[in-house]
Amino acid sequence: MAFEKSLVNTIERPEINGIQKIYKFDNDMGASVIKHDYSYGGDQGLWELAVTQYEGEDWHINYNTPVTSDVEGYLSWEDVENSLRKISELEEGVY
């Protein structure tokens, strides 16, 4: 996995057949990547991604980036990695 060093947490949610992977990059941007019974595409084995912005250790979803203006669903893992690359390359503090 190309972004393993940026993975800060993995949370398993067996009650909804789910998993969440939380990423943080050097630019204080990151992503929450989920797959569960109720996520967009989760019932098809696909992933949902939200761009996040960090303030210290806290983060919030940022809907105003060149990567996306909403959560993105129905993503293959390759799509997720492409989005993670774009997020990691964003300029720090602009959004």
N, C-alpha and C. Protein backbone atom coordinates (compact mmCIF):
# COMPACT_ATOMS: atom_id res chain seq x y z
N MET A 1 0.85 -1.18 0.00
CA MET A 1 0.00 0.00 0.00
C MET A 1 0.88 1.24 0.00
N ALA A 2 0.66 2.11 -0.93
CA ALA A 2 1.50 3.29 -1.11
C ALA A 2 1.35 4.31 0.01
N PHE A 3 0.24 4.33 0.72
CA PHE A 3 -0.03 5.37 1.71
C PHE A 3 -0.04 4.83 3.14
N GLU A 4 0.58 3.69 3.35
CA GLU A 4 0.56 3.07 4.67
C GLU A 4 1.15 3.97 5.75
N LYS A 5 2.20 4.72 5.45
CA LYS A 5 2.82 5.59 6.47
C LYS A 5 1.91 6.74 6.87
N SER A 6 0.92 7.06 6.05
CA SER A 6 -0.01 8.14 6.36
C SER A 6 -1.29 7.64 7.03
N LEU A 7 -1.42 6.34 7.17
CA LEU A 7 -2.59 5.75 7.83
C LEU A 7 -2.43 5.92 9.34
N VAL A 8 -3.33 6.69 9.96
CA VAL A 8 -3.20 6.96 11.40
C VAL A 8 -4.12 6.11 12.25
N ASN A 9 -5.17 5.55 11.66
CA ASN A 9 -6.07 4.71 12.44
C ASN A 9 -6.92 3.85 11.51
N THR A 10 -7.22 2.65 11.98
CA THR A 10 -8.16 1.77 11.31
C THR A 10 -9.17 1.33 12.36
N ILE A 11 -10.44 1.53 12.07
CA ILE A 11 -11.50 1.20 13.00
C ILE A 11 -12.40 0.16 12.35
N GLU A 12 -12.55 -0.98 13.00
CA GLU A 12 -13.45 -2.01 12.48
C GLU A 12 -14.81 -1.85 13.13
N ARG A 13 -15.86 -1.99 12.34
CA ARG A 13 -17.23 -1.86 12.81
C ARG A 13 -18.01 -3.10 12.40
N PRO A 14 -17.82 -4.23 13.10
CA PRO A 14 -18.44 -5.48 12.68
C PRO A 14 -19.97 -5.45 12.68
N GLU A 15 -20.57 -4.60 13.50
CA GLU A 15 -22.04 -4.54 13.55
C GLU A 15 -22.65 -4.05 12.25
N ILE A 16 -21.86 -3.37 11.42
CA ILE A 16 -22.35 -2.92 10.11
C ILE A 16 -21.44 -3.42 8.99
N ASN A 17 -20.71 -4.49 9.27
CA ASN A 17 -19.77 -5.04 8.28
C ASN A 17 -18.83 -3.96 7.77
N GLY A 18 -18.30 -3.16 8.69
CA GLY A 18 -17.59 -1.98 8.25
C GLY A 18 -16.16 -1.84 8.71
N ILE A 19 -15.49 -0.95 7.99
CA ILE A 19 -14.13 -0.56 8.31
C ILE A 19 -13.96 0.91 7.92
N GLN A 20 -13.18 1.63 8.73
CA GLN A 20 -12.84 3.02 8.43
C GLN A 20 -11.33 3.15 8.53
N LYS A 21 -10.75 3.79 7.54
CA LYS A 21 -9.32 4.07 7.52
C LYS A 21 -9.15 5.58 7.51
N ILE A 22 -8.34 6.07 8.45
CA ILE A 22 -8.15 7.51 8.58
C ILE A 22 -6.70 7.84 8.22
N TYR A 23 -6.54 8.78 7.29
CA TYR A 23 -5.23 9.17 6.78
C TYR A 23 -4.94 10.63 7.14
N LYS A 24 -3.66 10.91 7.37
CA LYS A 24 -3.20 12.29 7.57
C LYS A 24 -1.88 12.47 6.82
N PHE A 25 -1.82 13.56 6.05
CA PHE A 25 -0.63 13.86 5.26
C PHE A 25 0.12 15.05 5.84
N ASP A 26 1.34 15.26 5.38
CA ASP A 26 2.19 16.34 5.89
C ASP A 26 1.58 17.73 5.67
N ASN A 27 0.65 17.86 4.73
CA ASN A 27 0.02 19.15 4.44
C ASN A 27 -1.19 19.43 5.33
N ASP A 28 -1.39 18.63 6.38
CA ASP A 28 -2.53 18.73 7.31
C ASP A 28 -3.86 18.43 6.64
N MET A 29 -3.82 17.78 5.51
CA MET A 29 -5.02 17.26 4.87
C MET A 29 -5.02 15.75 5.05
N GLY A 30 -6.17 15.15 4.84
CA GLY A 30 -6.25 13.70 4.99
C GLY A 30 -7.52 13.19 4.37
N ALA A 31 -7.89 11.98 4.79
CA ALA A 31 -9.10 11.36 4.26
C ALA A 31 -9.66 10.38 5.28
N SER A 32 -10.97 10.28 5.25
CA SER A 32 -11.68 9.22 5.95
C SER A 32 -12.23 8.32 4.86
N VAL A 33 -11.79 7.07 4.87
CA VAL A 33 -12.18 6.11 3.83
C VAL A 33 -12.96 5.00 4.52
N ILE A 34 -14.19 4.79 4.08
CA ILE A 34 -15.05 3.82 4.75
C ILE A 34 -15.65 2.83 3.77
N LYS A 35 -16.00 1.70 4.31
CA LYS A 35 -16.77 0.70 3.57
C LYS A 35 -17.62 -0.03 4.60
N HIS A 36 -18.93 0.05 4.45
CA HIS A 36 -19.85 -0.69 5.33
C HIS A 36 -21.20 -0.84 4.65
N ASP A 37 -22.12 -1.49 5.32
CA ASP A 37 -23.42 -1.78 4.73
C ASP A 37 -24.17 -0.54 4.26
N TYR A 38 -23.89 0.63 4.85
CA TYR A 38 -24.66 1.83 4.55
C TYR A 38 -23.85 2.91 3.82
N SER A 39 -22.60 2.63 3.50
CA SER A 39 -21.80 3.62 2.77
C SER A 39 -22.12 3.51 1.27
N TYR A 40 -21.80 4.57 0.55
CA TYR A 40 -22.05 4.59 -0.89
C TYR A 40 -21.18 3.54 -1.58
N GLY A 41 -21.79 2.44 -2.00
CA GLY A 41 -21.08 1.36 -2.68
C GLY A 41 -20.63 0.23 -1.77
N GLY A 42 -20.80 0.40 -0.47
CA GLY A 42 -20.34 -0.62 0.47
C GLY A 42 -20.95 -1.99 0.24
N ASP A 43 -22.22 -2.02 -0.15
CA ASP A 43 -22.87 -3.31 -0.40
C ASP A 43 -22.34 -3.99 -1.65
N GLN A 44 -21.53 -3.26 -2.44
CA GLN A 44 -20.90 -3.82 -3.64
C GLN A 44 -19.40 -4.02 -3.44
N GLY A 45 -18.95 -3.86 -2.19
CA GLY A 45 -17.52 -4.02 -1.90
C GLY A 45 -16.69 -2.81 -2.28
N LEU A 46 -17.35 -1.67 -2.51
CA LEU A 46 -16.66 -0.46 -2.92
C LEU A 46 -16.52 0.51 -1.75
N TRP A 47 -15.72 1.53 -1.91
CA TRP A 47 -15.35 2.44 -0.84
C TRP A 47 -15.98 3.81 -1.01
N GLU A 48 -16.05 4.54 0.12
CA GLU A 48 -16.50 5.93 0.15
C GLU A 48 -15.37 6.75 0.78
N LEU A 49 -15.11 7.93 0.24
CA LEU A 49 -14.00 8.76 0.72
C LEU A 49 -14.47 10.18 0.98
N ALA A 50 -14.01 10.74 2.10
CA ALA A 50 -14.23 12.15 2.41
C ALA A 50 -12.86 12.79 2.63
N VAL A 51 -12.66 13.98 2.06
CA VAL A 51 -11.43 14.74 2.29
C VAL A 51 -11.54 15.38 3.67
N THR A 52 -10.47 15.28 4.45
CA THR A 52 -10.46 15.87 5.78
C THR A 52 -9.35 16.90 5.90
N GLN A 53 -9.54 17.81 6.84
CA GLN A 53 -8.52 18.81 7.15
C GLN A 53 -8.27 18.77 8.65
N TYR A 54 -7.00 18.76 9.01
CA TYR A 54 -6.59 18.63 10.41
C TYR A 54 -6.29 19.99 11.03
N GLU A 55 -6.64 20.10 12.30
CA GLU A 55 -6.20 21.18 13.18
C GLU A 55 -5.64 20.47 14.40
N GLY A 56 -4.33 20.33 14.45
CA GLY A 56 -3.71 19.51 15.49
C GLY A 56 -4.07 18.05 15.23
N GLU A 57 -4.61 17.40 16.23
CA GLU A 57 -5.04 16.01 16.08
C GLU A 57 -6.50 15.89 15.68
N ASP A 58 -7.25 16.99 15.71
CA ASP A 58 -8.66 16.98 15.34
C ASP A 58 -8.80 17.20 13.84
N TRP A 59 -9.85 16.64 13.27
CA TRP A 59 -10.09 16.82 11.85
C TRP A 59 -11.57 17.02 11.60
N HIS A 60 -11.86 17.61 10.46
CA HIS A 60 -13.23 17.77 10.00
C HIS A 60 -13.25 17.52 8.49
N ILE A 61 -14.41 17.18 7.99
CA ILE A 61 -14.55 16.99 6.54
C ILE A 61 -14.50 18.36 5.87
N ASN A 62 -13.72 18.45 4.81
CA ASN A 62 -13.59 19.68 4.05
C ASN A 62 -14.27 19.47 2.69
N TYR A 63 -15.32 20.24 2.46
CA TYR A 63 -16.10 20.11 1.22
C TYR A 63 -15.66 21.10 0.15
N ASN A 64 -14.51 21.76 0.35
CA ASN A 64 -14.10 22.81 -0.56
C ASN A 64 -12.65 22.61 -1.01
N THR A 65 -12.39 21.52 -1.72
CA THR A 65 -11.05 21.26 -2.23
C THR A 65 -11.13 20.95 -3.72
N PRO A 66 -10.01 21.05 -4.42
CA PRO A 66 -10.00 20.66 -5.83
C PRO A 66 -10.23 19.16 -6.04
N VAL A 67 -10.07 18.37 -4.99
CA VAL A 67 -10.25 16.92 -5.12
C VAL A 67 -11.73 16.59 -5.22
N THR A 68 -12.54 17.17 -4.33
CA THR A 68 -13.98 16.92 -4.36
C THR A 68 -14.69 17.96 -3.51
N SER A 69 -15.96 18.19 -3.79
CA SER A 69 -16.76 19.11 -2.99
C SER A 69 -17.83 18.35 -2.20
N ASP A 70 -17.67 17.05 -2.09
CA ASP A 70 -18.62 16.20 -1.37
C ASP A 70 -17.89 14.90 -1.03
N VAL A 71 -18.58 13.99 -0.38
CA VAL A 71 -17.99 12.66 -0.23
C VAL A 71 -18.11 11.96 -1.59
N GLU A 72 -17.17 11.08 -1.86
CA GLU A 72 -17.21 10.31 -3.11
C GLU A 72 -17.46 8.86 -2.76
N GLY A 73 -18.40 8.24 -3.43
CA GLY A 73 -18.71 6.85 -3.19
C GLY A 73 -18.47 5.99 -4.41
N TYR A 74 -18.71 4.70 -4.22
CA TYR A 74 -18.59 3.72 -5.30
C TYR A 74 -17.18 3.69 -5.89
N LEU A 75 -16.17 3.78 -5.02
CA LEU A 75 -14.78 3.83 -5.46
C LEU A 75 -14.11 2.47 -5.33
N SER A 76 -13.37 2.08 -6.35
CA SER A 76 -12.48 0.92 -6.23
C SER A 76 -11.30 1.34 -5.35
N TRP A 77 -10.50 0.36 -4.88
CA TRP A 77 -9.34 0.74 -4.08
C TRP A 77 -8.36 1.56 -4.92
N GLU A 78 -8.26 1.28 -6.20
CA GLU A 78 -7.40 2.08 -7.09
C GLU A 78 -7.88 3.53 -7.13
N ASP A 79 -9.20 3.73 -7.19
CA ASP A 79 -9.76 5.09 -7.15
C ASP A 79 -9.40 5.78 -5.84
N VAL A 80 -9.51 5.04 -4.73
CA VAL A 80 -9.16 5.60 -3.42
C VAL A 80 -7.70 6.05 -3.42
N GLU A 81 -6.81 5.20 -3.89
CA GLU A 81 -5.39 5.57 -3.90
C GLU A 81 -5.12 6.78 -4.79
N ASN A 82 -5.83 6.89 -5.91
CA ASN A 82 -5.68 8.08 -6.77
C ASN A 82 -6.11 9.34 -6.03
N SER A 83 -7.23 9.25 -5.29
CA SER A 83 -7.69 10.40 -4.51
C SER A 83 -6.73 10.72 -3.38
N LEU A 84 -6.20 9.69 -2.71
CA LEU A 84 -5.24 9.93 -1.64
C LEU A 84 -4.00 10.65 -2.17
N ARG A 85 -3.54 10.27 -3.34
CA ARG A 85 -2.39 10.95 -3.95
C ARG A 85 -2.71 12.42 -4.18
N LYS A 86 -3.88 12.71 -4.74
CA LYS A 86 -4.27 14.10 -5.00
C LYS A 86 -4.36 14.90 -3.70
N ILE A 87 -4.92 14.29 -2.66
CA ILE A 87 -5.04 14.97 -1.36
C ILE A 87 -3.66 15.26 -0.79
N SER A 88 -2.76 14.29 -0.90
CA SER A 88 -1.41 14.47 -0.34
C SER A 88 -0.64 15.57 -1.06
N GLU A 89 -1.04 15.89 -2.28
CA GLU A 89 -0.35 16.91 -3.07
C GLU A 89 -0.99 18.30 -2.96
N LEU A 90 -2.09 18.42 -2.22
CA LEU A 90 -2.72 19.72 -2.05
C LEU A 90 -1.80 20.67 -1.31
N GLU A 91 -1.91 21.94 -1.64
CA GLU A 91 -1.13 22.96 -0.94
C GLU A 91 -1.67 23.13 0.47
N GLU A 92 -0.78 23.25 1.43
CA GLU A 92 -1.18 23.34 2.83
C GLU A 92 -1.88 24.66 3.14
N GLY A 93 -2.99 24.57 3.90
CA GLY A 93 -3.65 25.74 4.46
C GLY A 93 -4.45 26.61 3.51
N VAL A 94 -4.76 26.14 2.33
CA VAL A 94 -5.44 26.98 1.35
C VAL A 94 -6.96 26.83 1.43
N TYR A 95 -7.49 25.80 2.06
CA TYR A 95 -8.90 25.45 1.93
C TYR A 95 -9.72 25.81 3.14
